[in-house]
C-alpha atoms as a PDB file:
ATOM      1  CA  MET A   1     -37.668 -18.310 -13.277  1.00  0.00           C
ATOM      2  CA  SER A   2     -38.469 -14.544 -13.755  1.00  0.00           C
ATOM      3  CA  TYR A   3     -39.131 -12.954 -17.132  1.00  0.00           C
ATOM      4  CA  GLU A   4     -35.800 -11.127 -16.853  1.00  0.00           C
ATOM      5  CA  GLY A   5     -33.894 -14.202 -15.860  1.00  0.00           C
ATOM      6  CA  ALA A   6     -35.461 -16.169 -18.749  1.00  0.00           C
ATOM      7  CA  MET A   7     -34.298 -13.506 -21.219  1.00  0.00           C
ATOM      8  CA  LEU A   8     -30.746 -13.517 -19.754  1.00  0.00           C
ATOM      9  CA  LYS A   9     -30.570 -17.275 -20.213  1.00  0.00           C
ATOM     10  CA  THR A  10     -32.154 -17.336 -23.673  1.00  0.00           C
ATOM     11  CA  LEU A  11     -29.714 -14.717 -25.025  1.00  0.00           C
ATOM     12  CA  GLU A  12     -26.745 -16.264 -23.133  1.00  0.00           C
ATOM     13  CA  MET A  13     -25.768 -12.997 -21.476  1.00  0.00           C
ATOM     14  CA  PRO A  14     -22.732 -12.859 -19.438  1.00  0.00           C
ATOM     15  CA  ALA A  15     -22.934 -13.804 -15.692  1.00  0.00           C
ATOM     16  CA  ARG A  16     -23.244 -10.916 -13.327  1.00  0.00           C
ATOM     17  CA  LEU A  17     -19.988 -11.816 -11.526  1.00  0.00           C
ATOM     18  CA  LYS A  18     -18.113 -11.545 -14.875  1.00  0.00           C
ATOM     19  CA  VAL A  19     -19.856  -8.165 -15.624  1.00  0.00           C
ATOM     20  CA  GLU A  20     -18.808  -6.829 -12.112  1.00  0.00           C
ATOM     21  CA  GLN A  21     -15.235  -7.843 -12.804  1.00  0.00           C
ATOM     22  CA  ALA A  22     -15.300  -6.106 -16.266  1.00  0.00           C
ATOM     23  CA  LEU A  23     -16.804  -2.989 -14.626  1.00  0.00           C
ATOM     24  CA  LEU A  24     -13.935  -2.792 -12.054  1.00  0.00           C
ATOM     25  CA  LYS A  25     -11.293  -3.169 -14.891  1.00  0.00           C
ATOM     26  CA  ALA A  26     -13.096  -0.582 -16.939  1.00  0.00           C
ATOM     27  CA  LEU A  27     -13.107   1.843 -13.943  1.00  0.00           C
ATOM     28  CA  PHE A  28      -9.362   1.365 -13.661  1.00  0.00           C
ATOM     29  CA  ARG A  29      -8.896   2.115 -17.305  1.00  0.00           C
ATOM     30  CA  HIS A  30     -10.916   5.300 -17.133  1.00  0.00           C
ATOM     31  CA  GLU A  31      -8.984   6.732 -13.999  1.00  0.00           C
ATOM     32  CA  GLY A  32     -11.490   5.453 -11.526  1.00  0.00           C
ATOM     33  CA  VAL A  33     -14.670   7.009 -12.860  1.00  0.00           C
ATOM     34  CA  ILE A  34     -17.361   6.208 -15.581  1.00  0.00           C
ATOM     35  CA  GLU A  35     -20.459   7.927 -16.486  1.00  0.00           C
ATOM     36  CA  GLU A  36     -24.046   6.698 -15.624  1.00  0.00           C
ATOM     37  CA  PHE A  37     -24.821   4.103 -18.188  1.00  0.00           C
ATOM     38  CA  GLY A  38     -27.634   6.087 -19.797  1.00  0.00           C
ATOM     39  CA  ALA A  39     -25.320   9.026 -20.410  1.00  0.00           C
ATOM     40  CA  GLY A  40     -22.033   7.037 -21.067  1.00  0.00           C
ATOM     41  CA  GLU A  41     -22.996   4.970 -24.166  1.00  0.00           C
ATOM     42  CA  HIS A  42     -19.354   4.479 -25.087  1.00  0.00           C
ATOM     43  CA  ILE A  43     -18.667   2.693 -21.740  1.00  0.00           C
ATOM     44  CA  VAL A  44     -21.773   0.451 -22.470  1.00  0.00           C
ATOM     45  CA  GLU A  45     -20.344  -0.436 -25.751  1.00  0.00           C
ATOM     46  CA  GLU A  46     -16.818  -0.768 -24.609  1.00  0.00           C
ATOM     47  CA  ILE A  47     -17.750  -3.444 -22.136  1.00  0.00           C
ATOM     48  CA  ALA A  48     -20.046  -5.055 -24.576  1.00  0.00           C
ATOM     49  CA  ASP A  49     -17.033  -5.295 -26.935  1.00  0.00           C
ATOM     50  CA  GLU A  50     -15.051  -6.954 -24.164  1.00  0.00           C
ATOM     51  CA  PHE A  51     -17.726  -9.754 -24.041  1.00  0.00           C
ATOM     52  CA  ASN A  52     -18.148  -9.878 -27.924  1.00  0.00           C
ATOM     53  CA  LEU A  53     -21.882  -9.293 -27.561  1.00  0.00           C
ATOM     54  CA  SER A  54     -23.978  -9.852 -30.593  1.00  0.00           C
ATOM     55  CA  GLN A  55     -26.394  -7.116 -31.850  1.00  0.00           C
ATOM     56  CA  ALA A  56     -29.292  -9.029 -30.451  1.00  0.00           C
ATOM     57  CA  GLN A  57     -27.686  -9.087 -27.004  1.00  0.00           C
ATOM     58  CA  ARG A  58     -26.890  -5.384 -27.194  1.00  0.00           C
ATOM     59  CA  THR A  59     -30.310  -4.305 -28.244  1.00  0.00           C
ATOM     60  CA  ALA A  60     -32.599  -6.775 -26.422  1.00  0.00           C
ATOM     61  CA  VAL A  61     -35.477  -4.920 -24.605  1.00  0.00           C
ATOM     62  CA  LEU A  62     -37.283  -5.897 -21.402  1.00  0.00           C
ATOM     63  CA  GLU A  63     -40.946  -4.751 -21.430  1.00  0.00           C
ATOM     64  CA  THR A  64     -42.620  -4.130 -18.016  1.00  0.00           C
ATOM     65  CA  ILE A  65     -46.417  -3.299 -17.705  1.00  0.00           C
ATOM     66  CA  TYR A  66     -47.417  -1.051 -14.931  1.00  0.00           C
ATOM     67  CA  ARG A  67     -51.170  -2.005 -14.678  1.00  0.00           C
ATOM     68  CA  LYS A  68     -52.180   0.769 -12.148  1.00  0.00           C
ATOM     69  CA  GLU A  69     -50.728   3.459 -14.443  1.00  0.00           C
ATOM     70  CA  ASN A  70     -51.690   1.495 -17.652  1.00  0.00           C
ATOM     71  CA  ARG A  71     -48.318   2.042 -19.177  1.00  0.00           C
ATOM     72  CA  LEU A  72     -45.519  -0.040 -20.722  1.00  0.00           C
ATOM     73  CA  LYS A  73     -41.975   0.587 -19.727  1.00  0.00           C
ATOM     74  CA  LYS A  74     -39.088  -0.527 -21.940  1.00  0.00           C
ATOM     75  CA  SER A  75     -35.487  -0.994 -20.815  1.00  0.00           C
ATOM     76  CA  GLN A  76     -32.455  -2.417 -22.614  1.00  0.00           C
ATOM     77  CA  LEU A  77     -31.492  -5.720 -21.025  1.00  0.00           C
ATOM     78  CA  TRP A  78     -27.638  -4.976 -21.272  1.00  0.00           C
ATOM     79  CA  HIS A  79     -27.977  -1.641 -19.578  1.00  0.00           C
ATOM     80  CA  ARG A  80     -30.041  -3.273 -16.898  1.00  0.00           C
ATOM     81  CA  LEU A  81     -27.378  -5.983 -16.427  1.00  0.00           C
ATOM     82  CA  LEU A  82     -24.694  -3.377 -16.006  1.00  0.00           C
ATOM     83  CA  SER A  83     -26.748  -1.393 -13.545  1.00  0.00           C
ATOM     84  CA  ARG A  84     -27.429  -4.368 -11.415  1.00  0.00           C
ATOM     85  CA  ALA A  85     -23.670  -5.353 -11.438  1.00  0.00           C
ATOM     86  CA  ALA A  86     -22.738  -1.799 -10.455  1.00  0.00           C
ATOM     87  CA  ASP A  87     -25.435  -1.748  -7.766  1.00  0.00           C
ATOM     88  CA  SER A  88     -23.975  -5.021  -6.444  1.00  0.00           C
ATOM     89  CA  LEU A  89     -20.472  -3.528  -6.249  1.00  0.00           C
ATOM     90  CA  ALA A  90     -21.727  -0.474  -4.561  1.00  0.00           C
ATOM     91  CA  LYS A  91     -23.443  -2.593  -1.839  1.00  0.00           C
ATOM     92  CA  VAL A  92     -20.183  -4.257  -0.795  1.00  0.00           C
ATOM     93  CA  GLY A  93     -18.281  -0.895  -0.843  1.00  0.00           C
ATOM     94  CA  LEU A  94     -16.171  -1.361  -4.103  1.00  0.00           C
ATOM     95  CA  ILE A  95     -17.630   1.610  -5.906  1.00  0.00           C
ATOM     96  CA  THR A  96     -19.745   4.571  -5.025  1.00  0.00           C
ATOM     97  CA  ARG A  97     -23.097   5.510  -6.716  1.00  0.00           C
ATOM     98  CA  PRO A  98     -23.486   8.503  -8.811  1.00  0.00           C
ATOM     99  CA  THR A  99     -25.445  10.354  -6.173  1.00  0.00           C
ATOM    100  CA  GLU A 100     -22.553   9.878  -3.724  1.00  0.00           C
ATOM    101  CA  THR A 101     -19.938  10.888  -6.297  1.00  0.00           C
ATOM    102  CA  LEU A 102     -21.950  14.002  -7.229  1.00  0.00           C
ATOM    103  CA  LYS A 103     -21.332  15.406  -3.627  1.00  0.00           C
ATOM    104  CA  ILE A 104     -17.502  15.272  -4.094  1.00  0.00           C
ATOM    105  CA  THR A 105     -16.926  15.899  -7.812  1.00  0.00           C
ATOM    106  CA  GLY A 106     -20.072  17.644  -8.933  1.00  0.00           C
ATOM    107  CA  LYS A 107     -20.590  14.877 -11.513  1.00  0.00           C
ATOM    108  CA  ARG A 108     -22.950  11.932 -11.614  1.00  0.00           C
ATOM    109  CA  GLU A 109     -20.383   9.108 -12.095  1.00  0.00           C
ATOM    110  CA  TRP A 110     -19.723   5.685 -10.690  1.00  0.00           C
ATOM    111  CA  MET A 111     -16.192   5.764  -8.805  1.00  0.00           C
ATOM    112  CA  LEU A 112     -13.917   3.322  -7.394  1.00  0.00           C
ATOM    113  CA  THR A 113     -13.450   3.175  -3.593  1.00  0.00           C
ATOM    114  CA  GLU A 114     -10.024   2.374  -2.110  1.00  0.00           C
ATOM    115  CA  SER A 115     -11.155  -1.290  -1.724  1.00  0.00           C
ATOM    116  CA  GLY A 116     -12.448  -1.274  -5.492  1.00  0.00           C
ATOM    117  CA  PHE A 117      -9.063   0.020  -6.563  1.00  0.00           C
ATOM    118  CA  ASP A 118      -7.293  -2.719  -4.724  1.00  0.00           C
ATOM    119  CA  GLN A 119      -9.759  -5.314  -6.358  1.00  0.00           C
ATOM    120  CA  SER A 120      -9.232  -3.928  -9.800  1.00  0.00           C
ATOM    121  CA  LEU A 121      -5.377  -4.118  -9.369  1.00  0.00           C
ATOM    122  CA  GLN A 122      -5.726  -7.776  -8.340  1.00  0.00           C
ATOM    123  CA  LEU A 123      -7.939  -8.557 -11.305  1.00  0.00           C
ATOM    124  CA  LEU A 124      -5.447  -6.937 -13.622  1.00  0.00           C
ATOM    125  CA  LYS A 125      -2.521  -8.783 -11.838  1.00  0.00           C
ATOM    126  CA  ILE A 126      -0.814  -5.494 -10.940  1.00  0.00           C
ATOM    127  CA  PRO A 127       1.160  -5.562  -7.733  1.00  0.00           C
ATOM    128  CA  SER A 128      -0.336  -3.427  -4.961  1.00  0.00           C
ATOM    129  CA  THR A 129       3.054  -1.787  -4.419  1.00  0.00           C
ATOM    130  CA  GLN A 130       2.461  -0.041  -7.745  1.00  0.00           C
ATOM    131  CA  LYS A 131      -0.708   1.670  -6.475  1.00  0.00           C
ATOM    132  CA  GLU A 132       0.741   5.021  -5.744  1.00  0.00           C
ATOM    133  CA  LYS A 133       2.085   5.673  -9.224  1.00  0.00           C
ATOM    134  CA  PHE A 134      -1.263   5.515 -10.974  1.00  0.00           C
ATOM    135  CA  SER A 135      -3.595   8.594 -11.440  1.00  0.00           C
ATOM    136  CA  THR A 136      -6.633   6.403 -10.792  1.00  0.00           C
ATOM    137  CA  LYS A 137      -9.193   8.228  -8.627  1.00  0.00           C
ATOM    138  CA  SER A 138     -10.859   6.679  -5.560  1.00  0.00           C
ATOM    139  CA  PHE A 139     -13.730   8.254  -3.565  1.00  0.00           C
ATOM    140  CA  GLU A 140     -11.624   8.526  -0.349  1.00  0.00           C
ATOM    141  CA  VAL A 141      -8.739  10.289  -2.201  1.00  0.00           C
ATOM    142  CA  GLN A 142     -11.017  12.613  -4.134  1.00  0.00           C
ATOM    143  CA  LYS A 143     -12.695  13.518  -0.730  1.00  0.00           C
ATOM    144  CA  ILE A 144      -9.299  14.536   0.670  1.00  0.00           C
ATOM    145  CA  ALA A 145      -8.263  16.400  -2.609  1.00  0.00           C
ATOM    146  CA  LYS A 146     -11.494  18.315  -2.377  1.00  0.00           C
ATOM    147  CA  GLN A 147     -10.655  19.376   1.203  1.00  0.00           C
ATOM    148  CA  ILE A 148      -7.150  20.361   0.097  1.00  0.00           C
ATOM    149  CA  ILE A 149      -8.337  22.489  -2.802  1.00  0.00           C
ATOM    150  CA  GLU A 150     -11.243  24.183  -0.863  1.00  0.00           C
ATOM    151  CA  ALA A 151      -9.180  25.008   2.223  1.00  0.00           C
ATOM    152  CA  SER A 152      -8.912  28.781   2.930  1.00  0.00           C
ATOM    153  CA  ARG A 153      -5.583  30.333   1.994  1.00  0.00           C
ATOM    154  CA  PRO A 154      -3.673  31.588   5.093  1.00  0.00           C
ATOM    155  CA  GLU A 155      -2.118  35.022   5.119  1.00  0.00           C
ATOM    156  CA  LYS A 156       0.921  33.552   6.752  1.00  0.00           C
ATOM    157  CA  SER A 157       2.164  29.873   6.323  1.00  0.00           C
ATOM    158  CA  ASN A 158       4.824  28.028   8.200  1.00  0.00           C
ATOM    159  CA  PRO A 159       6.491  26.016   5.271  1.00  0.00           C
ATOM    160  CA  VAL A 160       7.562  23.237   7.682  1.00  0.00           C
ATOM    161  CA  ASP A 161       5.141  21.015   9.487  1.00  0.00           C
ATOM    162  CA  ALA A 162       6.827  20.122  12.768  1.00  0.00           C
ATOM    163  CA  SER A 163       4.294  17.693  13.650  1.00  0.00           C
ATOM    164  CA  LYS A 164       4.761  15.639  10.469  1.00  0.00           C
ATOM    165  CA  LYS A 165       6.621  12.308  10.871  1.00  0.00           C
ATOM    166  CA  ILE A 166       9.104  10.934   8.295  1.00  0.00           C
ATOM    167  CA  ILE A 167       7.960   7.529   7.353  1.00  0.00           C
ATOM    168  CA  LYS A 168       9.523   4.925   5.123  1.00  0.00           C
ATOM    169  CA  LYS A 169       8.673   4.919   1.481  1.00  0.00           C
ATOM    170  CA  LEU A 170       6.866   1.630   1.820  1.00  0.00           C
ATOM    171  CA  LYS A 171       4.263   3.478   4.017  1.00  0.00           C
ATOM    172  CA  GLU A 172       3.929   6.634   2.215  1.00  0.00           C
ATOM    173  CA  SER A 173       1.232   5.347  -0.049  1.00  0.00           C
ATOM    174  CA  THR A 174      -1.522   6.741   2.176  1.00  0.00           C
ATOM    175  CA  THR A 175      -4.812   8.276   1.166  1.00  0.00           C
ATOM    176  CA  ARG A 176      -3.541  11.669   2.465  1.00  0.00           C
ATOM    177  CA  ALA A 177      -0.307  11.660   0.217  1.00  0.00           C
ATOM    178  CA  ARG A 178      -2.400  10.447  -2.822  1.00  0.00           C
ATOM    179  CA  GLY A 179      -5.049  13.136  -2.027  1.00  0.00           C
ATOM    180  CA  PHE A 180      -2.245  15.830  -2.126  1.00  0.00           C
ATOM    181  CA  ARG A 181      -1.041  14.390  -5.439  1.00  0.00           C
ATOM    182  CA  GLN A 182      -4.454  14.400  -6.959  1.00  0.00           C
ATOM    183  CA  ALA A 183      -5.272  17.965  -5.701  1.00  0.00           C
ATOM    184  CA  VAL A 184      -2.145  19.488  -7.095  1.00  0.00           C
ATOM    185  CA  LEU A 185      -2.319  17.660 -10.461  1.00  0.00           C
ATOM    186  CA  GLN A 186      -6.022  18.782 -10.856  1.00  0.00           C
ATOM    187  CA  ALA A 187      -5.029  22.345  -9.866  1.00  0.00           C
ATOM    188  CA  TYR A 188      -2.474  22.487 -12.645  1.00  0.00           C
ATOM    189  CA  ASP A 189      -4.565  20.617 -15.138  1.00  0.00           C
ATOM    190  CA  PHE A 190      -2.026  17.677 -15.185  1.00  0.00           C
ATOM    191  CA  SER A 191       0.606  19.885 -16.861  1.00  0.00           C
ATOM    192  CA  CYS A 192       4.129  21.195 -16.039  1.00  0.00           C
ATOM    193  CA  ALA A 193       3.901  24.669 -14.529  1.00  0.00           C
ATOM    194  CA  PHE A 194       7.253  25.405 -16.208  1.00  0.00           C
ATOM    195  CA  CYS A 195       7.026  24.059 -19.736  1.00  0.00           C
ATOM    196  CA  GLY A 196       3.473  23.135 -20.031  1.00  0.00           C
ATOM    197  CA  MET A 197       4.120  19.396 -21.114  1.00  0.00           C
ATOM    198  CA  LYS A 198       0.961  17.342 -20.553  1.00  0.00           C
ATOM    199  CA  PRO A 199       1.524  13.839 -21.916  1.00  0.00           C
ATOM    200  CA  HIS A 200      -0.016  10.735 -20.585  1.00  0.00           C
ATOM    201  CA  ALA A 201       0.291   6.984 -21.162  1.00  0.00           C
ATOM    202  CA  PRO A 202      -1.617   5.514 -24.133  1.00  0.00           C
ATOM    203  CA  ASN A 203      -4.117   3.883 -21.673  1.00  0.00           C
ATOM    204  CA  ASP A 204      -4.473   7.128 -19.785  1.00  0.00           C
ATOM    205  CA  SER A 205      -3.535   5.265 -16.476  1.00  0.00           C
ATOM    206  CA  LEU A 206      -0.342   7.507 -15.859  1.00  0.00           C
ATOM    207  CA  TRP A 207       0.494  11.164 -16.426  1.00  0.00           C
ATOM    208  CA  GLU A 208       4.086  12.370 -17.139  1.00  0.00           C
ATOM    209  CA  ALA A 209       3.638  15.319 -14.827  1.00  0.00           C
ATOM    210  CA  GLU A 210       4.234  14.885 -11.134  1.00  0.00           C
ATOM    211  CA  ALA A 211       2.926  16.682  -8.036  1.00  0.00           C
ATOM    212  CA  ALA A 212       5.995  18.217  -6.397  1.00  0.00           C
ATOM    213  CA  HIS A 213       6.548  19.433  -2.905  1.00  0.00           C
ATOM    214  CA  ILE A 214       8.205  22.879  -2.976  1.00  0.00           C
ATOM    215  CA  VAL A 215       9.389  22.323   0.619  1.00  0.00           C
ATOM    216  CA  PRO A 216      10.305  18.594   0.291  1.00  0.00           C
ATOM    217  CA  HIS A 217       8.584  15.914   2.188  1.00  0.00           C
ATOM    218  CA  SER A 218      12.100  15.119   3.532  1.00  0.00           C
ATOM    219  CA  SER A 219      12.193  18.482   5.128  1.00  0.00           C
ATOM    220  CA  LEU A 220       8.779  18.125   6.629  1.00  0.00           C
ATOM    221  CA  GLY A 221       6.971  20.060   3.880  1.00  0.00           C
ATOM    222  CA  ARG A 222       3.351  20.324   4.312  1.00  0.00           C
ATOM    223  CA  ASP A 223       0.780  18.342   2.210  1.00  0.00           C
ATOM    224  CA  ASP A 224      -1.296  21.397   1.329  1.00  0.00           C
ATOM    225  CA  ILE A 225      -1.986  22.937  -1.971  1.00  0.00           C
ATOM    226  CA  TRP A 226       0.200  26.034  -1.393  1.00  0.00           C
ATOM    227  CA  ASN A 227       3.218  23.784  -1.013  1.00  0.00           C
ATOM    228  CA  GLY A 228       2.497  21.946  -4.255  1.00  0.00           C
ATOM    229  CA  ILE A 229       3.282  22.436  -7.903  1.00  0.00           C
ATOM    230  CA  THR A 230       3.025  20.152 -10.972  1.00  0.00           C
ATOM    231  CA  LEU A 231       6.130  19.635 -12.922  1.00  0.00           C
ATOM    232  CA  CYS A 232       7.468  17.342 -15.645  1.00  0.00           C
ATOM    233  CA  ARG A 233      10.117  14.924 -14.553  1.00  0.00           C
ATOM    234  CA  THR A 234      12.975  17.037 -16.080  1.00  0.00           C
ATOM    235  CA  HIS A 235      11.913  20.254 -14.420  1.00  0.00           C
ATOM    236  CA  HIS A 236      10.955  18.383 -11.181  1.00  0.00           C
ATOM    237  CA  TRP A 237      14.552  17.193 -10.935  1.00  0.00           C
ATOM    238  CA  ALA A 238      15.997  20.610 -11.765  1.00  0.00           C
ATOM    239  CA  PHE A 239      13.760  22.282  -9.095  1.00  0.00           C
ATOM    240  CA  ASP A 240      14.514  19.739  -6.402  1.00  0.00           C
ATOM    241  CA  VAL A 241      18.249  20.035  -6.821  1.00  0.00           C
ATOM    242  CA  GLY A 242      18.391  23.822  -6.956  1.00  0.00           C
ATOM    243  CA  TRP A 243      18.917  24.645 -10.653  1.00  0.00           C
ATOM    244  CA  LEU A 244      15.555  26.380 -10.683  1.00  0.00           C
ATOM    245  CA  SER A 245      13.386  28.298  -8.114  1.00  0.00           C
ATOM    246  CA  LEU A 246      10.701  30.976  -8.147  1.00  0.00           C
ATOM    247  CA  HIS A 247      10.463  34.568  -7.242  1.00  0.00           C
ATOM    248  CA  ASP A 248       7.526  35.734  -5.089  1.00  0.00           C
ATOM    249  CA  ASP A 249       5.841  36.953  -8.360  1.00  0.00           C
ATOM    250  CA  PHE A 250       6.177  33.337  -9.789  1.00  0.00           C
ATOM    251  CA  VAL A 251       8.843  34.302 -12.241  1.00  0.00           C
ATOM    252  CA  ILE A 252      11.171  31.290 -12.783  1.00  0.00           C
ATOM    253  CA  LYS A 253      14.629  31.814 -11.374  1.00  0.00           C
ATOM    254  CA  VAL A 254      17.817  30.125 -12.788  1.00  0.00           C
ATOM    255  CA  SER A 255      20.861  29.430 -10.754  1.00  0.00           C
ATOM    256  CA  PRO A 256      23.845  31.624 -11.741  1.00  0.00           C
ATOM    257  CA  LYS A 257      25.925  28.464 -11.684  1.00  0.00           C
ATOM    258  CA  ILE A 258      24.496  27.681 -15.104  1.00  0.00           C
ATOM    259  CA  SER A 259      26.949  30.072 -16.695  1.00  0.00           C
ATOM    260  CA  SER A 260      29.880  27.862 -15.666  1.00  0.00           C
ATOM    261  CA  LEU A 261      28.628  24.715 -17.375  1.00  0.00           C
ATOM    262  CA  GLY A 262      29.040  23.600 -21.082  1.00  0.00           C
ATOM    263  CA  SER A 263      26.570  24.718 -23.730  1.00  0.00           C
ATOM    264  CA  LEU A 264      25.042  21.298 -23.966  1.00  0.00           C
ATOM    265  CA  PHE A 265      24.028  21.052 -20.211  1.00  0.00           C
ATOM    266  CA  GLY A 266      20.294  20.956 -19.930  1.00  0.00           C
ATOM    267  CA  LYS A 267      19.645  20.611 -23.670  1.00  0.00           C
ATOM    268  CA  MET A 268      17.268  18.141 -25.406  1.00  0.00           C
ATOM    269  CA  GLN A 269      18.334  18.400 -29.001  1.00  0.00           C
ATOM    270  CA  ASP A 270      17.680  22.066 -29.912  1.00  0.00           C
ATOM    271  CA  SER A 271      15.564  22.728 -26.826  1.00  0.00           C
ATOM    272  CA  ASP A 272      17.315  24.191 -23.771  1.00  0.00           C
ATOM    273  CA  CYS A 273      15.271  23.010 -20.704  1.00  0.00           C
ATOM    274  CA  ILE A 274      16.924  25.295 -18.166  1.00  0.00           C
ATOM    275  CA  ARG A 275      18.692  28.220 -19.854  1.00  0.00           C
ATOM    276  CA  ILE A 276      15.452  29.202 -21.597  1.00  0.00           C
ATOM    277  CA  TYR A 277      14.156  30.710 -18.338  1.00  0.00           C
ATOM    278  CA  SER A 278      17.277  32.963 -17.794  1.00  0.00           C
ATOM    279  CA  ALA A 279      16.899  34.824 -20.959  1.00  0.00           C
ATOM    280  CA  ASN A 280      13.584  36.477 -20.039  1.00  0.00           C
ATOM    281  CA  ASP A 281      11.242  36.895 -17.136  1.00  0.00           C
ATOM    282  CA  VAL A 282       9.203  33.773 -17.689  1.00  0.00           C
ATOM    283  CA  GLN A 283       6.366  33.293 -15.164  1.00  0.00           C
ATOM    284  CA  MET A 284       5.209  29.819 -14.284  1.00  0.00           C
ATOM    285  CA  ARG A 285       1.799  28.618 -15.465  1.00  0.00           C
ATOM    286  CA  LEU A 286      -0.545  29.239 -12.581  1.00  0.00           C
ATOM    287  CA  PRO A 287      -3.795  27.617 -11.650  1.00  0.00           C
ATOM    288  CA  LEU A 288      -7.072  29.324 -12.647  1.00  0.00           C
ATOM    289  CA  ASN A 289      -8.035  29.764  -9.071  1.00  0.00           C
ATOM    290  CA  ASP A 290      -5.568  32.256  -7.242  1.00  0.00           C
ATOM    291  CA  ASN A 291      -6.421  30.652  -3.906  1.00  0.00           C
ATOM    292  CA  LEU A 292      -4.278  27.680  -5.191  1.00  0.00           C
ATOM    293  CA  TYR A 293      -1.193  29.617  -6.068  1.00  0.00           C
ATOM    294  CA  PRO A 294       2.124  28.602  -4.143  1.00  0.00           C
ATOM    295  CA  HIS A 295       2.487  30.541  -0.972  1.00  0.00           C
ATOM    296  CA  GLN A 296       5.209  33.157  -0.875  1.00  0.00           C
ATOM    297  CA  SER A 297       6.647  31.632   2.375  1.00  0.00           C
ATOM    298  CA  VAL A 298       7.362  28.277   0.859  1.00  0.00           C
ATOM    299  CA  LEU A 299       8.880  30.006  -2.199  1.00  0.00           C
ATOM    300  CA  ALA A 300      11.186  31.925   0.097  1.00  0.00           C
ATOM    301  CA  TRP A 301      12.138  28.648   1.980  1.00  0.00           C
ATOM    302  CA  HIS A 302      12.985  27.018  -1.440  1.00  0.00           C
ATOM    303  CA  ARG A 303      15.151  29.847  -2.456  1.00  0.00           C
ATOM    304  CA  GLU A 304      16.978  29.887   0.901  1.00  0.00           C
ATOM    305  CA  HIS A 305      17.393  26.115   1.477  1.00  0.00           C
ATOM    306  CA  VAL A 306      17.327  24.489  -2.077  1.00  0.00           C
ATOM    307  CA  PHE A 307      18.178  27.021  -4.807  1.00  0.00           C
ATOM    308  CA  PHE A 308      21.888  27.089  -5.631  1.00  0.00           C
ATOM    309  CA  THR A 309      23.446  30.591  -5.496  1.00  0.00           C
ATOM    310  CA  GLY A 310      27.074  29.532  -4.759  1.00  0.00           C
ATOM    311  CA  PRO A 311      30.078  30.146  -7.012  1.00  0.00           C
END
């Protein structure tokens, strides 16, 4: 038995398979990414807590002598066990190494792949049919989101993609659709472009804000950043049914039909979720990068085909 193997046995450290499973679950809890173990001490401690490791197990040190260089290298056994488990997951394509993730996100992190995401859902006994609703990142989805965000803004844009096929909801959970969702949420910093709300679930796995198509998917709207906007559920509904729209200068437009409704319509206690935008010229919250602003052609389409201007 090797020196390292003997230490693992003596200290009764967790089996590598168990550590691999704990890593997949931790990645899911942290939206698909965790820092390198040297930089992310909180992750190291979080998983150690999951196994109820003693202080001796957490702080045990391996000593390796490099005779040619006449030096002694020390490394923490628990860190090493985590690194070996992560390497094992990377070899079978369940996560990507920090060097690979760096090329997509600019950060040295371990990241789930689509296969790893599926495996984490299985470990947590979450039905795969719920996969689309989570904000968990995967390498494949982030790669598509990066392409969407970095695409060159066209001077003219046809708001309708005639080549796009309408597919059943069951089949909509594609990496492209989730890439669009991730790109739009990131562009608007996961907050509503109208009211600024930015709540998320206690475990960070779900954001309240949604990536909305300005030209709806049902009308063959494109899955590009210029046809996307992040909205809270209330304003997403109001935008989709035509109570709200946008001028070309991104000022929020309220349907004149609102004047015929009771004073309580659109109210949440003392807050008026819709009429508030008719009192003043309120501009939507825009991404920091003006290349990501909604395209005027899709705004014009929404005003013509969705916004309610009738009596």
